[in-house]
Amino acid sequence: MTHPHIKALTDHIYFIQSPMNGRFPFCNGFVFKGSQTILIDAGLGDKLIQAVDQCFHIDTLVISHSHPDHIKSWHMLKDRRLLLPLETTDAVRDMEKLGTQYTGDPGSGRHWVKNIGKPLGIVPLRKPDQRFGDKDVFDIGTARIQAIHTPGHYYDHYCFLDHVSGTLITTDIDFSSFGPWYGNPCGSIKAFIDSVHRIMDLPYTRVCSSHRPPFEGDASHHFTAFLQAFDRQKSEILECLGQGKTLADILALSPFYHNKFMDLTVQNVFEGNMVRENLALLMEEGHVIEDKGWFIPRK
């Protein structure tokens, strides 16, 4: 079995590198072979997920969380067992409700569906065959994969630890150059940081994320750098305030996306949520005050 996107990590675990090296709108996948064959996440694109299925014959599709780049090609395996997080709402079964969940209001949600969801080929999920929750274990003989609820990035976000091989799948605790992403209305910096701390001390031997190649051995410096990126993002917001700015002023500067996202309306929604999270922390820490919609650094 040879395929340029499939790499064996052990005799029973395979890393599937998605198109565009794991960049949005794709994500990496992970195959576990045992008493059943499990694929974690469906962001590989239709052609690659079909090739993976031909190589391994997937029995069960596990979705780590309901972001579009993780469910993108789930419909290619719609006749297999589908497992979703316990926290995932039924909004994932309706495109407009899914768009509203991503953006926070129906109008922006419809815009997301028209300009991002449908062009990316996102298909609503069906009712799952089973749900999993925090600390649940998928035991397939060759692997004992524990699900770990790690909110902050998204409300239903999960990581996974295989207790047999020590393989830790951190999904969107992803060590990417963009840094932590928490742009949906449910995004939370505090919860995200707590989640990183929760998994970084687990007994792993390798770390695999959804948007970077795997790391073998000690990845503590990657986790530390990821945590430091929260402070970097907060500092970027403080620095861009100058003598004071409104939220609209900050979004015009686009400190995170640099106005390079595929849709400006959705960019403003996602970046706005991230900016508000950082402003709330800066005000809580006493570095910024708000006065009639203006955010002003304390001198």
Foldseek 3Di string as FASTA:
>chain_A
DDDPQWDDPDPFKIKGQAPPLLDPPAWIWMWGDFLFIEIEFDLRDQVSVVVVCVVHVHQEYEYQAPDCSRCLHVVSVLVHAYEYAPPDDQLLQPQQSVLCQQQVHSVSSVVCCVQPVVVSNHHRHDDGPYYDYAQQWDCRPQWTKGWHQQAQLHRRGIWIATPNQQETEPEQLALDPLARFQQGLRHAPVSNLVSLVVPLPDRHQKYHYTRHHIGGGRPNVSSVVNNVVLVVVLVLLLVVQVQKDALVSVLVCVSRCNPPDPDSSSSSSRSSSVSVNSLVVCVVVPQWDDDPRIIGGDD
